[in-house]
């Protein structure tokens, strides 16, 4: 998967998480629509977000802390 699209997807998934619109296990359909990708592609991106979340969350400024 393209690193740029994964980066964009990470932002979308974080936005969905923060908004509370959906439980994150159900986020792929929302992301598919927001990113303009198929549901299958969104599922792959979602898996990438979940697997890399800890690493991504450790980058200063990527996730706002309350």
PDB file of N, CA and C in Angstrom:
ATOM      1  N   UNK A   1       0.861  -1.181   0.000  1.00  0.00           N
ATOM      2  CA  UNK A   1       0.000   0.000   0.000  1.00  0.00           C
ATOM      3  C   UNK A   1       0.897   1.230   0.000  1.00  0.00           C
ATOM      4  N   UNK A   2       0.502   2.218  -0.700  1.00  0.00           N
ATOM      5  CA  UNK A   2       1.220   3.471  -0.816  1.00  0.00           C
ATOM      6  C   UNK A   2       1.344   4.148   0.558  1.00  0.00           C
ATOM      7  N   UNK A   3       2.551   4.575   0.907  1.00  0.00           N
ATOM      8  CA  UNK A   3       2.793   5.199   2.208  1.00  0.00           C
ATOM      9  C   UNK A   3       1.991   6.486   2.352  1.00  0.00           C
ATOM     10  N   UNK A   4       1.866   7.268   1.277  1.00  0.00           N
ATOM     11  CA  UNK A   4       1.119   8.524   1.365  1.00  0.00           C
ATOM     12  C   UNK A   4      -0.350   8.276   1.658  1.00  0.00           C
ATOM     13  N   UNK A   5      -0.944   7.271   1.012  1.00  0.00           N
ATOM     14  CA  UNK A   5      -2.358   6.976   1.279  1.00  0.00           C
ATOM     15  C   UNK A   5      -2.515   6.431   2.698  1.00  0.00           C
ATOM     16  N   UNK A   6      -1.549   5.670   3.197  1.00  0.00           N
ATOM     17  CA  UNK A   6      -1.630   5.193   4.587  1.00  0.00           C
ATOM     18  C   UNK A   6      -1.540   6.367   5.549  1.00  0.00           C
ATOM     19  N   UNK A   7      -0.668   7.324   5.255  1.00  0.00           N
ATOM     20  CA  UNK A   7      -0.572   8.508   6.106  1.00  0.00           C
ATOM     21  C   UNK A   7      -1.892   9.273   6.124  1.00  0.00           C
ATOM     22  N   UNK A   8      -2.490   9.434   4.945  1.00  0.00           N
ATOM     23  CA  UNK A   8      -3.783  10.119   4.859  1.00  0.00           C
ATOM     24  C   UNK A   8      -4.854   9.329   5.611  1.00  0.00           C
ATOM     25  N   UNK A   9      -4.824   8.017   5.454  1.00  0.00           N
ATOM     26  CA  UNK A   9      -5.789   7.160   6.150  1.00  0.00           C
ATOM     27  C   UNK A   9      -5.614   7.252   7.658  1.00  0.00           C
ATOM     28  N   UNK A  10      -4.378   7.322   8.119  1.00  0.00           N
ATOM     29  CA  UNK A  10      -4.127   7.449   9.560  1.00  0.00           C
ATOM     30  C   UNK A  10      -4.799   8.695  10.121  1.00  0.00           C
ATOM     31  N   UNK A  11      -4.743   9.782   9.373  1.00  0.00           N
ATOM     32  CA  UNK A  11      -5.388  11.022   9.806  1.00  0.00           C
ATOM     33  C   UNK A  11      -6.906  10.832   9.844  1.00  0.00           C
ATOM     34  N   UNK A  12      -7.455  10.163   8.827  1.00  0.00           N
ATOM     35  CA  UNK A  12      -8.895   9.904   8.774  1.00  0.00           C
ATOM     36  C   UNK A  12      -9.318   9.027   9.948  1.00  0.00           C
ATOM     37  N   UNK A  13      -8.595   7.956  10.200  1.00  0.00           N
ATOM     38  CA  UNK A  13      -8.948   7.062  11.303  1.00  0.00           C
ATOM     39  C   UNK A  13      -8.847   7.775  12.655  1.00  0.00           C
ATOM     40  N   UNK A  14      -7.829   8.608  12.813  1.00  0.00           N
ATOM     41  CA  UNK A  14      -7.702   9.356  14.067  1.00  0.00           C
ATOM     42  C   UNK A  14      -8.870  10.334  14.219  1.00  0.00           C
ATOM     43  N   UNK A  15      -9.265  10.967  13.129  1.00  0.00           N
ATOM     44  CA  UNK A  15     -10.415  11.884  13.164  1.00  0.00           C
ATOM     45  C   UNK A  15     -11.692  11.143  13.532  1.00  0.00           C
ATOM     46  N   UNK A  16     -11.873   9.965  12.947  1.00  0.00           N
ATOM     47  CA  UNK A  16     -13.049   9.156  13.276  1.00  0.00           C
ATOM     48  C   UNK A  16     -13.037   8.750  14.747  1.00  0.00           C
ATOM     49  N   UNK A  17     -11.870   8.368  15.231  1.00  0.00           N
ATOM     50  CA  UNK A  17     -11.748   7.961  16.638  1.00  0.00           C
ATOM     51  C   UNK A  17     -12.106   9.117  17.556  1.00  0.00           C
ATOM     52  N   UNK A  18     -11.551  10.279  17.277  1.00  0.00           N
ATOM     53  CA  UNK A  18     -11.794  11.446  18.113  1.00  0.00           C
ATOM     54  C   UNK A  18     -13.248  11.914  18.043  1.00  0.00           C
ATOM     55  N   UNK A  19     -13.890  11.737  16.882  1.00  0.00           N
ATOM     56  CA  UNK A  19     -15.267  12.210  16.711  1.00  0.00           C
ATOM     57  C   UNK A  19     -16.278  11.343  17.446  1.00  0.00           C
ATOM     58  N   UNK A  20     -15.951  10.064  17.627  1.00  0.00           N
ATOM     59  CA  UNK A  20     -16.886   9.146  18.266  1.00  0.00           C
ATOM     60  C   UNK A  20     -18.028   8.719  17.357  1.00  0.00           C
ATOM     61  N   UNK A  21     -17.928   9.015  16.067  1.00  0.00           N
ATOM     62  CA  UNK A  21     -18.978   8.658  15.105  1.00  0.00           C
ATOM     63  C   UNK A  21     -19.194   7.150  15.058  1.00  0.00           C
ATOM     64  N   UNK A  22     -18.103   6.409  15.184  1.00  0.00           N
ATOM     65  CA  UNK A  22     -18.178   4.960  15.078  1.00  0.00           C
ATOM     66  C   UNK A  22     -17.178   4.309  16.015  1.00  0.00           C
ATOM     67  N   UNK A  23     -17.492   3.105  16.423  1.00  0.00           N
ATOM     68  CA  UNK A  23     -16.521   2.261  17.094  1.00  0.00           C
ATOM     69  C   UNK A  23     -15.428   1.988  16.065  1.00  0.00           C
ATOM     70  N   UNK A  24     -14.181   1.999  16.453  1.00  0.00           N
ATOM     71  CA  UNK A  24     -13.099   1.869  15.469  1.00  0.00           C
ATOM     72  C   UNK A  24     -13.095   0.537  14.734  1.00  0.00           C
ATOM     73  N   UNK A  25     -13.723  -0.479  15.284  1.00  0.00           N
ATOM     74  CA  UNK A  25     -13.817  -1.739  14.552  1.00  0.00           C
ATOM     75  C   UNK A  25     -14.763  -1.610  13.365  1.00  0.00           C
ATOM     76  N   UNK A  26     -15.605  -0.587  13.345  1.00  0.00           N
ATOM     77  CA  UNK A  26     -16.525  -0.346  12.237  1.00  0.00           C
ATOM     78  C   UNK A  26     -16.135   0.848  11.390  1.00  0.00           C
ATOM     79  N   UNK A  27     -14.884   1.275  11.462  1.00  0.00           N
ATOM     80  CA  UNK A  27     -14.452   2.506  10.803  1.00  0.00           C
ATOM     81  C   UNK A  27     -14.157   2.365   9.308  1.00  0.00           C
ATOM     82  N   UNK A  28     -13.905   1.162   8.826  1.00  0.00           N
ATOM     83  CA  UNK A  28     -13.501   0.998   7.424  1.00  0.00           C
ATOM     84  C   UNK A  28     -14.519   1.555   6.426  1.00  0.00           C
ATOM     85  N   UNK A  29     -15.822   1.319   6.573  1.00  0.00           N
ATOM     86  CA  UNK A  29     -16.767   1.889   5.605  1.00  0.00           C
ATOM     87  C   UNK A  29     -16.743   3.422   5.587  1.00  0.00           C
ATOM     88  N   UNK A  30     -16.596   4.042   6.729  1.00  0.00           N
ATOM     89  CA  UNK A  30     -16.508   5.502   6.795  1.00  0.00           C
ATOM     90  C   UNK A  30     -15.249   5.974   6.072  1.00  0.00           C
ATOM     91  N   UNK A  31     -14.129   5.302   6.345  1.00  0.00           N
ATOM     92  CA  UNK A  31     -12.863   5.685   5.722  1.00  0.00           C
ATOM     93  C   UNK A  31     -12.904   5.477   4.215  1.00  0.00           C
ATOM     94  N   UNK A  32     -13.546   4.402   3.769  1.00  0.00           N
ATOM     95  CA  UNK A  32     -13.646   4.148   2.329  1.00  0.00           C
ATOM     96  C   UNK A  32     -14.312   5.329   1.637  1.00  0.00           C
ATOM     97  N   UNK A  33     -15.397   5.805   2.223  1.00  0.00           N
ATOM     98  CA  UNK A  33     -16.114   6.942   1.636  1.00  0.00           C
ATOM     99  C   UNK A  33     -15.279   8.216   1.706  1.00  0.00           C
ATOM    100  N   UNK A  34     -14.644   8.453   2.837  1.00  0.00           N
ATOM    101  CA  UNK A  34     -13.872   9.683   3.022  1.00  0.00           C
ATOM    102  C   UNK A  34     -12.624   9.719   2.150  1.00  0.00           C
ATOM    103  N   UNK A  35     -12.010   8.555   1.924  1.00  0.00           N
ATOM    104  CA  UNK A  35     -10.770   8.483   1.144  1.00  0.00           C
ATOM    105  C   UNK A  35     -11.010   8.205  -0.338  1.00  0.00           C
ATOM    106  N   UNK A  36     -12.229   7.811  -0.685  1.00  0.00           N
ATOM    107  CA  UNK A  36     -12.521   7.482  -2.079  1.00  0.00           C
ATOM    108  C   UNK A  36     -11.870   6.195  -2.536  1.00  0.00           C
ATOM    109  N   UNK A  37     -11.821   5.213  -1.627  1.00  0.00           N
ATOM    110  CA  UNK A  37     -11.239   3.907  -1.961  1.00  0.00           C
ATOM    111  C   UNK A  37     -12.308   2.837  -1.745  1.00  0.00           C
ATOM    112  N   UNK A  38     -12.021   1.631  -2.232  1.00  0.00           N
ATOM    113  CA  UNK A  38     -12.969   0.534  -2.032  1.00  0.00           C
ATOM    114  C   UNK A  38     -12.974   0.109  -0.568  1.00  0.00           C
ATOM    115  N   UNK A  39     -14.011  -0.609  -0.189  1.00  0.00           N
ATOM    116  CA  UNK A  39     -14.096  -1.109   1.182  1.00  0.00           C
ATOM    117  C   UNK A  39     -12.925  -2.037   1.475  1.00  0.00           C
ATOM    118  N   UNK A  40     -12.555  -2.857   0.528  1.00  0.00           N
ATOM    119  CA  UNK A  40     -11.419  -3.766   0.748  1.00  0.00           C
ATOM    120  C   UNK A  40     -10.126  -2.992   0.980  1.00  0.00           C
ATOM    121  N   UNK A  41      -9.900  -1.932   0.197  1.00  0.00           N
ATOM    122  CA  UNK A  41      -8.712  -1.101   0.406  1.00  0.00           C
ATOM    123  C   UNK A  41      -8.767  -0.428   1.777  1.00  0.00           C
ATOM    124  N   UNK A  42      -9.945   0.048   2.152  1.00  0.00           N
ATOM    125  CA  UNK A  42     -10.092   0.686   3.463  1.00  0.00           C
ATOM    126  C   UNK A  42      -9.803  -0.290   4.591  1.00  0.00           C
ATOM    127  N   UNK A  43     -10.183  -1.546   4.412  1.00  0.00           N
ATOM    128  CA  UNK A  43      -9.897  -2.556   5.441  1.00  0.00           C
ATOM    129  C   UNK A  43      -8.397  -2.771   5.589  1.00  0.00           C
ATOM    130  N   UNK A  44      -7.671  -2.769   4.470  1.00  0.00           N
ATOM    131  CA  UNK A  44      -6.213  -2.916   4.515  1.00  0.00           C
ATOM    132  C   UNK A  44      -5.598  -1.701   5.218  1.00  0.00           C
ATOM    133  N   UNK A  45      -6.083  -0.508   4.882  1.00  0.00           N
ATOM    134  CA  UNK A  45      -5.593   0.708   5.516  1.00  0.00           C
ATOM    135  C   UNK A  45      -5.919   0.724   7.010  1.00  0.00           C
ATOM    136  N   UNK A  46      -7.106   0.239   7.352  1.00  0.00           N
ATOM    137  CA  UNK A  46      -7.513   0.167   8.760  1.00  0.00           C
ATOM    138  C   UNK A  46      -6.586  -0.769   9.532  1.00  0.00           C
ATOM    139  N   UNK A  47      -6.288  -1.903   8.929  1.00  0.00           N
ATOM    140  CA  UNK A  47      -5.364  -2.847   9.566  1.00  0.00           C
ATOM    141  C   UNK A  47      -4.001  -2.185   9.769  1.00  0.00           C
ATOM    142  N   UNK A  48      -3.529  -1.446   8.767  1.00  0.00           N
ATOM    143  CA  UNK A  48      -2.254  -0.734   8.890  1.00  0.00           C
ATOM    144  C   UNK A  48      -2.282   0.297  10.004  1.00  0.00           C
ATOM    145  N   UNK A  49      -3.403   1.007  10.119  1.00  0.00           N
ATOM    146  CA  UNK A  49      -3.546   2.003  11.192  1.00  0.00           C
ATOM    147  C   UNK A  49      -3.501   1.304  12.551  1.00  0.00           C
ATOM    148  N   UNK A  50      -4.233   0.211  12.685  1.00  0.00           N
ATOM    149  CA  UNK A  50      -4.278  -0.495  13.967  1.00  0.00           C
ATOM    150  C   UNK A  50      -2.915  -1.072  14.330  1.00  0.00           C
ATOM    151  N   UNK A  51      -2.225  -1.647  13.349  1.00  0.00           N
ATOM    152  CA  UNK A  51      -0.914  -2.249  13.625  1.00  0.00           C
ATOM    153  C   UNK A  51       0.132  -1.189  13.951  1.00  0.00           C
ATOM    154  N   UNK A  52       0.040  -0.045  13.310  1.00  0.00           N
ATOM    155  CA  UNK A  52       1.040   0.990  13.519  1.00  0.00           C
ATOM    156  C   UNK A  52       0.625   2.057  14.500  1.00  0.00           C
ATOM    157  N   UNK A  53      -0.527   1.904  15.125  1.00  0.00           N
ATOM    158  CA  UNK A  53      -1.059   2.963  15.975  1.00  0.00           C
ATOM    159  C   UNK A  53      -0.100   3.356  17.088  1.00  0.00           C
ATOM    160  N   UNK A  54       0.482   2.405  17.754  1.00  0.00           N
ATOM    161  CA  UNK A  54       1.385   2.717  18.864  1.00  0.00           C
ATOM    162  C   UNK A  54       2.578   3.524  18.373  1.00  0.00           C
ATOM    163  N   UNK A  55       3.160   3.107  17.265  1.00  0.00           N
ATOM    164  CA  UNK A  55       4.309   3.837  16.720  1.00  0.00           C
ATOM    165  C   UNK A  55       3.885   5.225  16.258  1.00  0.00           C
ATOM    166  N   UNK A  56       2.749   5.299  15.562  1.00  0.00           N
ATOM    167  CA  UNK A  56       2.259   6.562  15.031  1.00  0.00           C
ATOM    168  C   UNK A  56       1.907   7.508  16.162  1.00  0.00           C
ATOM    169  N   UNK A  57       1.354   6.995  17.225  1.00  0.00           N
ATOM    170  CA  UNK A  57       0.939   7.814  18.365  1.00  0.00           C
ATOM    171  C   UNK A  57       2.130   8.406  19.108  1.00  0.00           C
ATOM    172  N   UNK A  58       3.295   7.810  18.944  1.00  0.00           N
ATOM    173  CA  UNK A  58       4.479   8.303  19.641  1.00  0.00           C
ATOM    174  C   UNK A  58       5.157   9.472  18.922  1.00  0.00           C
ATOM    175  N   UNK A  59       4.715   9.838  17.728  1.00  0.00           N
ATOM    176  CA  UNK A  59       5.302  10.947  16.984  1.00  0.00           C
ATOM    177  C   UNK A  59       4.704  12.250  17.523  1.00  0.00           C
ATOM    178  N   UNK A  60       5.558  13.148  18.036  1.00  0.00           N
ATOM    179  CA  UNK A  60       5.035  14.394  18.612  1.00  0.00           C
ATOM    180  C   UNK A  60       4.145  15.163  17.631  1.00  0.00           C
ATOM    181  N   UNK A  61       2.996  15.585  18.118  1.00  0.00           N
ATOM    182  CA  UNK A  61       2.085  16.371  17.308  1.00  0.00           C
ATOM    183  C   UNK A  61       1.110  15.575  16.469  1.00  0.00           C
ATOM    184  N   UNK A  62       1.279  14.262  16.370  1.00  0.00           N
ATOM    185  CA  UNK A  62       0.378  13.458  15.542  1.00  0.00           C
ATOM    186  C   UNK A  62      -0.964  13.240  16.225  1.00  0.00           C
ATOM    187  N   UNK A  63      -0.934  13.091  17.511  1.00  0.00           N
ATOM    188  CA  UNK A  63      -2.173  12.880  18.261  1.00  0.00           C
ATOM    189  C   UNK A  63      -2.210  13.907  19.384  1.00  0.00           C
ATOM    190  N   UNK A  64      -3.271  14.665  19.413  1.00  0.00           N
ATOM    191  CA  UNK A  64      -3.399  15.665  20.462  1.00  0.00           C
ATOM    192  C   UNK A  64      -3.765  14.977  21.770  1.00  0.00           C
ATOM    193  N   UNK A  65      -3.100  15.400  22.808  1.00  0.00           N
ATOM    194  CA  UNK A  65      -3.384  14.862  24.139  1.00  0.00           C
ATOM    195  C   UNK A  65      -4.354  15.782  24.846  1.00  0.00           C
ATOM    196  N   UNK A  66      -5.282  15.221  25.595  1.00  0.00           N
ATOM    197  CA  UNK A  66      -6.231  16.037  26.357  1.00  0.00           C
ATOM    198  C   UNK A  66      -5.578  16.648  27.563  1.00  0.00           C
TER     199      UNK A  66
END
